Structures are given as structure tokens and as C-alpha cells.
Amino acid sequence: MEIQDTKPRHPIPLDWVGFRGVRRRVVIESPQGPIGLDLDLDILIGIEGDRRGAHLSRNIEAVREALEPPSRAPSLEEYLESIARSLLDRHEYATRASVRARTRYYVEVEYHDLQGEEPVDVEVGVHISRNGERRWSVAVKVRGMTVCPSAQATIASMLGVQAGPAPSHSQKALLTGRIETMGKLVRIEDIARELFNSFSAPAMTLLKRSQEARLILEAHSSPRFVEDLVREAVARLEELLARRGVERAVIEVEAVSLESIHPHDVYAYKRSVVGSGAEDQPLTQPS
């Protein structure tokens, strides 16, 4: 008997045990063609209280098995699920398995007549249990700008003009949307586009002078507090789920406004449950 198989001093089940930060490169067969992604993986299993430890070398074996030649996967989600299922196969004592990947992705964004392929930070996870339950989690972080409606209204009053084009202070904002579903995945691109459209205006990599001017004018026509930004994103993600036919999900949205005229930042967060039962005992790993 190996020492991992002996009984622990305290027979307490562990929610998750395994590796964090395992680095791997995978080629995904996307609709646009093969895409190489550098992944930062968390590879975890849950164990009961009757054993001291897990045979963790099997976690790395599961990762290698999922990338047998030709070392390509149909999608990031299928790659992660193949690792999770291999974990349960290799750890016969495991109650559940969780695989989460962090990477950077590029999404085609349209804003009025502006278009661009913009970077987004992504975290995708699949979490499966021995009894067959499966949850997907997709988190996307995007960057954009907000325009303060309070300062704009005050300046408009001082200048005796309409609020619409009046100047105001603006700032970069970081917006993260996360959706956890019961087995029905929501695509990264769909989440990212709804988040980009929640800002006063999105941040875009390439802007010529006239495009820059139009983006600024459009932003000042849609002034938003950080509270408005989060509410807009939640509403858009709820509508996205309805269009995709997802009946049970958990939505989390957070925004950080990097204030331009204050030495501090402004923060807002909302957790929204769609459908009954979605909030029961999530399998996802802690952040």
C-alpha cells in the first residue's frame, strides 16, 4: 500500500487537491483556422476523508493523454473536458474533477462603423462529478471606457448646453463577465461582444484620427457610472442566455473603473441567478 492510500489523521474530505499553474500549449481548430493558445491550467480532483493523499502524477498524465498526436483539439472546452474525464478514469477514488484554463483570446468587435480584433483575457473551466453532473464556467475580461454622467450634467449646466456632447471626465474600465452553466457552454466570443457593448465605448487597438474622434463623441453620448456598466452587462448577458436557450445559469459581473480625476478606483459587482436550482452547490473551484 502506498502512503497516499493510508488513512489520514483527520478524516476530512477535501474539496479540491491537485496542481495549479501547469503550462501547456494547445492548437485549437477554430472556425477561423488553427489557433495556438498558451494555457495556464489548474488540474484538480476532490477526495473523500478516508485517504491521506492523491496520486498527483496522474494529473500530468491526463494532460499528456489529452494532447496525443496530432496535438490538436476541436475546441478549448473539449480539450478541458477530455482532461477532466481522464482524471476520473485515473483517480478511481476521486469524487469529482475540475480543469480550468487561463489564456488570452482575440475577438472580432464591431462598434458602430468601427471594427477590430481585440484581445480579451479568458478563463474556461469544466467541472464534472462522478454522478454525471457537469458544469461549464466561462469568464471574459475586456477593456473599455466610461464617461461620467454627473460631471457631464454639471458642465452642461455651467455652459448652458445640452448634456449629450458636453465634456466630462472619462476613464478606462475593466469589465469581467462570468457565466456558469449546467452542461451547455456559452461561447467566449458571445460573452465578449456583450461586454464590449456595455461600455460608453469599447477600447480598440487601431483608431485613425477621425475614428478616434467619433468614438469619443459616441462615448459622450452614452455616459455611464460604474453601476450602469455592471447593470448593462448583466442585462445583456441575461438576454444572451435567453437567445441561446440556456435556462439555468449563474452570472457574475464585476467592473473596476480606473478613475482619471481621483487617486482611487471605483468598483461594482453583481451575481445573478437565472432559473431555479442553478445556485445549488456549485462545483467550480475557488478563484
Protein backbone atom coordinates (compact mmCIF):
# COMPACT_ATOMS: atom_id res chain seq x y z
CA MET A 1 0.00 0.00 0.00
CA GLU A 2 1.32 3.44 -0.94
CA ILE A 3 1.33 6.17 1.68
CA GLN A 4 -1.27 8.19 -0.25
CA ASP A 5 -3.69 5.27 0.21
CA THR A 6 -3.41 5.20 4.01
CA LYS A 7 -5.95 6.84 6.29
CA PRO A 8 -5.30 10.46 7.35
CA ARG A 9 -5.11 11.59 10.96
CA HIS A 10 -8.22 13.73 10.40
CA PRO A 11 -10.79 12.03 8.11
CA ILE A 12 -11.91 15.26 6.47
CA PRO A 13 -12.91 15.23 2.77
CA LEU A 14 -11.07 17.73 0.58
CA ASP A 15 -12.99 19.73 -2.00
CA TRP A 16 -10.01 20.11 -4.34
CA VAL A 17 -6.45 18.84 -4.50
CA GLY A 18 -4.05 18.91 -7.42
CA PHE A 19 -1.89 21.28 -9.42
CA ARG A 20 -2.25 24.95 -10.28
CA GLY A 21 -0.35 26.80 -12.96
CA VAL A 22 0.53 23.88 -15.24
CA ARG A 23 1.63 25.43 -18.54
CA ARG A 24 0.74 23.86 -21.84
CA ARG A 25 0.41 24.91 -25.46
CA VAL A 26 -2.51 23.57 -27.48
CA VAL A 27 -3.67 24.14 -31.04
CA ILE A 28 -7.42 24.69 -31.36
CA GLU A 29 -9.26 24.06 -34.62
CA SER A 30 -11.36 27.23 -34.65
CA PRO A 31 -13.77 28.35 -37.40
CA GLN A 32 -11.03 30.82 -38.46
CA GLY A 33 -8.45 28.03 -38.70
CA PRO A 34 -5.87 26.60 -36.26
CA ILE A 35 -5.12 28.85 -33.28
CA GLY A 36 -2.20 28.22 -30.91
CA LEU A 37 -3.01 29.00 -27.27
CA ASP A 38 -0.63 29.14 -24.32
CA LEU A 39 -2.62 27.85 -21.35
CA ASP A 40 -2.20 28.18 -17.60
CA LEU A 41 -4.04 25.11 -16.25
CA ASP A 42 -5.48 24.17 -12.87
CA ILE A 43 -5.99 20.38 -12.67
CA LEU A 44 -7.84 19.31 -9.53
CA ILE A 45 -9.84 16.43 -8.07
CA GLY A 46 -11.99 16.03 -4.95
CA ILE A 47 -11.24 13.22 -2.49
CA GLU A 48 -13.02 11.72 0.50
CA GLY A 49 -11.69 11.69 4.04
CA ASP A 50 -10.64 8.01 4.04
CA ARG A 51 -7.36 8.55 2.19
CA ARG A 52 -4.32 10.65 3.03
CA GLY A 53 -3.48 11.93 -0.42
CA ALA A 54 -3.94 11.72 -4.18
CA HIS A 55 -1.56 10.25 -6.76
CA LEU A 56 -0.91 13.60 -8.39
CA SER A 57 1.45 12.42 -11.12
CA ARG A 58 -1.68 11.04 -12.78
CA ASN A 59 -2.88 14.61 -13.29
CA ILE A 60 0.02 15.34 -15.61
CA GLU A 61 -0.51 12.01 -17.36
CA ALA A 62 -4.10 13.07 -18.03
CA VAL A 63 -2.90 16.31 -19.62
CA ARG A 64 -0.43 14.50 -21.84
CA GLU A 65 -3.02 11.91 -22.85
CA ALA A 66 -5.41 14.66 -23.97
CA LEU A 67 -2.74 16.01 -26.35
CA GLU A 68 -1.65 12.84 -28.06
CA PRO A 69 -0.65 13.37 -31.71
CA PRO A 70 -1.72 15.30 -33.72
CA SER A 71 -1.70 17.55 -30.59
CA ARG A 72 -4.80 19.45 -31.68
CA ALA A 73 -8.23 19.83 -30.13
CA PRO A 74 -11.58 20.71 -31.76
CA SER A 75 -12.12 23.40 -29.12
CA LEU A 76 -10.66 24.58 -25.82
CA GLU A 77 -13.75 23.34 -23.99
CA GLU A 78 -13.50 19.80 -25.43
CA TYR A 79 -9.81 19.69 -24.58
CA LEU A 80 -10.51 20.59 -20.95
CA GLU A 81 -13.35 18.08 -20.71
CA SER A 82 -11.13 15.31 -22.05
CA ILE A 83 -8.62 16.05 -19.28
CA ALA A 84 -11.38 16.07 -16.63
CA ARG A 85 -12.75 12.71 -17.78
CA SER A 86 -9.25 11.25 -17.85
CA LEU A 87 -8.76 12.45 -14.26
CA LEU A 88 -11.80 10.49 -13.10
CA ASP A 89 -10.60 7.43 -15.01
CA ARG A 90 -7.13 7.60 -13.48
CA HIS A 91 -8.26 8.51 -9.95
CA GLU A 92 -10.84 5.83 -9.21
CA TYR A 93 -11.25 7.27 -5.68
CA ALA A 94 -11.96 10.85 -6.88
CA THR A 95 -15.47 12.20 -6.37
CA ARG A 96 -15.15 14.96 -8.98
CA ALA A 97 -12.67 16.61 -11.31
CA SER A 98 -12.10 20.21 -12.32
CA VAL A 99 -9.92 21.65 -15.06
CA ARG A 100 -9.60 25.37 -15.60
CA ALA A 101 -7.52 27.20 -18.22
CA ARG A 102 -6.47 30.84 -18.40
CA THR A 103 -5.30 32.37 -21.65
CA ARG A 104 -5.63 35.39 -23.95
CA TYR A 105 -8.00 35.25 -26.88
CA TYR A 106 -8.85 37.59 -29.77
CA VAL A 107 -12.41 38.53 -30.69
CA GLU A 108 -13.79 40.42 -33.68
CA VAL A 109 -15.54 43.51 -32.32
CA GLU A 110 -17.86 45.94 -34.10
CA TYR A 111 -18.81 49.32 -32.64
CA HIS A 112 -20.92 51.43 -34.98
CA ASP A 113 -18.74 51.59 -38.11
CA LEU A 114 -15.54 50.60 -36.28
CA GLN A 115 -14.15 47.07 -36.44
CA GLY A 116 -11.18 45.39 -34.84
CA GLU A 117 -9.77 42.14 -33.49
CA GLU A 118 -9.40 42.86 -29.79
CA PRO A 119 -7.60 40.93 -27.03
CA VAL A 120 -9.60 39.55 -24.11
CA ASP A 121 -8.46 37.68 -21.00
CA VAL A 122 -10.25 34.35 -20.72
CA GLU A 123 -10.76 31.66 -18.11
CA VAL A 124 -12.63 28.50 -19.12
CA GLY A 125 -13.39 25.61 -16.79
CA VAL A 126 -15.16 22.28 -16.86
CA HIS A 127 -16.21 20.66 -13.62
CA ILE A 128 -17.63 17.12 -13.58
CA SER A 129 -18.69 14.78 -10.79
CA ARG A 130 -18.71 11.02 -10.53
CA ASN A 131 -22.52 11.05 -10.59
CA GLY A 132 -22.55 12.64 -14.05
CA GLU A 133 -23.14 16.29 -13.17
CA ARG A 134 -21.26 18.69 -15.43
CA ARG A 135 -20.81 22.45 -15.19
CA TRP A 136 -19.12 24.84 -17.56
CA SER A 137 -17.70 28.20 -16.48
CA VAL A 138 -16.52 30.90 -18.87
CA ALA A 139 -15.09 34.22 -17.66
CA VAL A 140 -14.06 37.03 -20.01
CA LYS A 141 -12.34 40.31 -19.10
CA VAL A 142 -12.48 43.23 -21.54
CA ARG A 143 -11.37 46.86 -21.52
CA GLY A 144 -13.32 49.94 -22.42
CA MET A 145 -14.13 53.47 -21.33
CA THR A 146 -16.85 55.14 -19.31
CA VAL A 147 -17.92 58.77 -19.26
CA CYS A 148 -19.21 60.26 -16.01
CA PRO A 149 -22.86 61.40 -16.41
CA SER A 150 -22.78 63.51 -13.23
CA ALA A 151 -19.84 65.66 -14.29
CA GLN A 152 -21.28 65.90 -17.79
CA ALA A 153 -24.63 67.20 -16.49
CA THR A 154 -22.88 69.73 -14.24
CA ILE A 155 -20.63 71.01 -17.05
CA ALA A 156 -23.59 71.20 -19.46
CA SER A 157 -25.47 73.33 -16.92
CA MET A 158 -22.47 75.62 -16.41
CA LEU A 159 -22.03 76.05 -20.17
CA GLY A 160 -25.73 76.33 -20.89
CA VAL A 161 -25.66 73.48 -23.44
CA GLN A 162 -27.32 70.11 -23.80
CA ALA A 163 -25.71 67.26 -21.88
CA GLY A 164 -25.22 64.99 -24.94
CA PRO A 165 -22.00 66.41 -26.42
CA ALA A 166 -20.86 68.21 -23.26
CA PRO A 167 -17.40 67.25 -21.96
CA SER A 168 -16.89 65.10 -18.89
CA HIS A 169 -14.14 63.07 -17.30
CA SER A 170 -13.64 59.62 -18.79
CA GLN A 171 -11.65 56.63 -17.65
CA LYS A 172 -10.60 53.15 -18.63
CA ALA A 173 -12.73 50.43 -17.07
CA LEU A 174 -12.06 46.71 -16.68
CA LEU A 175 -15.20 44.62 -17.06
CA THR A 176 -15.38 40.91 -16.28
CA GLY A 177 -18.35 38.68 -17.04
CA ARG A 178 -18.54 35.09 -15.86
CA ILE A 179 -21.24 32.56 -16.73
CA GLU A 180 -21.57 29.12 -15.14
CA THR A 181 -23.97 26.72 -16.81
CA MET A 182 -25.13 23.15 -16.34
CA GLY A 183 -23.50 21.48 -19.31
CA LYS A 184 -24.43 23.99 -22.04
CA LEU A 185 -21.47 26.16 -22.93
CA VAL A 186 -21.72 29.85 -23.79
CA ARG A 187 -19.10 30.87 -26.32
CA ILE A 188 -16.24 33.20 -25.42
CA GLU A 189 -16.95 35.43 -28.42
CA ASP A 190 -20.60 35.91 -27.49
CA ILE A 191 -19.80 36.94 -23.92
CA ALA A 192 -17.01 39.26 -25.04
CA ARG A 193 -19.18 41.13 -27.53
CA GLU A 194 -21.94 41.72 -24.99
CA LEU A 195 -19.37 43.08 -22.54
CA PHE A 196 -17.75 45.37 -25.12
CA ASN A 197 -21.17 46.80 -25.95
CA SER A 198 -21.84 47.57 -22.27
CA PHE A 199 -19.30 50.43 -22.06
CA SER A 200 -19.78 54.04 -23.02
CA ALA A 201 -17.37 52.90 -25.74
CA PRO A 202 -15.02 49.91 -26.08
CA ALA A 203 -11.24 50.24 -26.13
CA MET A 204 -9.97 49.46 -29.62
CA THR A 205 -6.41 48.75 -30.71
CA LEU A 206 -6.33 50.67 -34.01
CA LEU A 207 -8.02 54.06 -34.37
CA LYS A 208 -7.30 56.68 -37.01
CA ARG A 209 -7.86 60.31 -36.03
CA SER A 210 -11.38 60.55 -37.40
CA GLN A 211 -12.31 57.19 -35.87
CA GLU A 212 -10.88 58.27 -32.54
CA ALA A 213 -12.97 61.43 -32.64
CA ARG A 214 -16.16 59.50 -33.48
CA LEU A 215 -15.54 57.01 -30.69
CA ILE A 216 -15.10 59.83 -28.16
CA LEU A 217 -18.29 61.55 -29.34
CA GLU A 218 -20.22 58.27 -29.16
CA ALA A 219 -18.89 57.65 -25.65
CA HIS A 220 -20.08 61.07 -24.50
CA SER A 221 -23.50 60.25 -25.92
CA SER A 222 -23.64 57.18 -23.62
CA PRO A 223 -22.33 58.35 -20.24
CA ARG A 224 -22.31 55.61 -17.60
CA PHE A 225 -21.49 55.21 -13.95
CA VAL A 226 -19.70 52.00 -12.98
CA GLU A 227 -23.08 50.93 -11.58
CA ASP A 228 -24.65 51.47 -15.01
CA LEU A 229 -21.86 49.47 -16.61
CA VAL A 230 -22.45 46.41 -14.42
CA ARG A 231 -26.23 46.55 -14.79
CA GLU A 232 -25.94 46.89 -18.57
CA ALA A 233 -23.61 43.89 -18.75
CA VAL A 234 -25.86 41.74 -16.54
CA ALA A 235 -28.92 42.61 -18.66
CA ARG A 236 -27.07 41.84 -21.89
CA LEU A 237 -25.76 38.51 -20.60
CA GLU A 238 -29.22 37.51 -19.39
CA GLU A 239 -30.59 38.30 -22.86
CA LEU A 240 -27.74 36.29 -24.42
CA LEU A 241 -28.66 33.25 -22.31
CA ALA A 242 -32.31 33.59 -23.32
CA ARG A 243 -31.36 33.70 -27.02
CA ARG A 244 -29.18 30.61 -26.59
CA GLY A 245 -31.90 28.70 -24.76
CA VAL A 246 -29.95 28.42 -21.50
CA GLU A 247 -32.48 28.03 -18.69
CA ARG A 248 -30.18 27.59 -15.67
CA ALA A 249 -27.04 29.63 -15.09
CA VAL A 250 -25.16 31.86 -12.70
CA ILE A 251 -23.91 35.21 -13.97
CA GLU A 252 -21.24 37.25 -12.21
CA VAL A 253 -20.20 40.68 -13.42
CA GLU A 254 -17.62 43.00 -11.90
CA ALA A 255 -16.23 46.31 -13.05
CA VAL A 256 -13.23 48.33 -11.93
CA SER A 257 -13.16 51.96 -13.03
CA LEU A 258 -9.59 53.33 -13.12
CA GLU A 259 -10.54 56.86 -12.21
CA SER A 260 -8.90 59.70 -14.11
CA ILE A 261 -9.57 62.52 -11.61
CA HIS A 262 -9.38 60.56 -8.35
CA PRO A 263 -6.44 58.74 -6.72
CA HIS A 264 -8.65 55.70 -6.10
CA ASP A 265 -10.65 53.27 -8.24
CA VAL A 266 -14.40 52.58 -8.23
CA TYR A 267 -15.76 49.03 -8.07
CA ALA A 268 -19.14 47.33 -8.62
CA TYR A 269 -20.23 43.68 -8.62
CA LYS A 270 -23.42 41.70 -9.23
CA ARG A 271 -24.25 37.99 -9.02
CA SER A 272 -27.41 36.96 -10.85
CA VAL A 273 -29.07 33.53 -10.85
CA VAL A 274 -31.03 32.51 -13.95
CA GLY A 275 -33.53 29.68 -13.45
CA SER A 276 -34.18 27.54 -10.39
CA GLY A 277 -31.52 25.27 -8.94
CA ALA A 278 -28.59 26.97 -10.67
CA GLU A 279 -27.29 28.31 -7.35
CA ASP A 280 -27.22 24.90 -5.64
CA GLN A 281 -23.76 23.73 -4.57
CA PRO A 282 -21.58 24.91 -7.47
CA LEU A 283 -18.72 22.58 -8.39
CA THR A 284 -16.41 25.34 -9.51
CA GLN A 285 -13.03 25.91 -7.95
CA PRO A 286 -12.40 28.95 -5.76
CA SER A 287 -10.79 31.86 -7.59
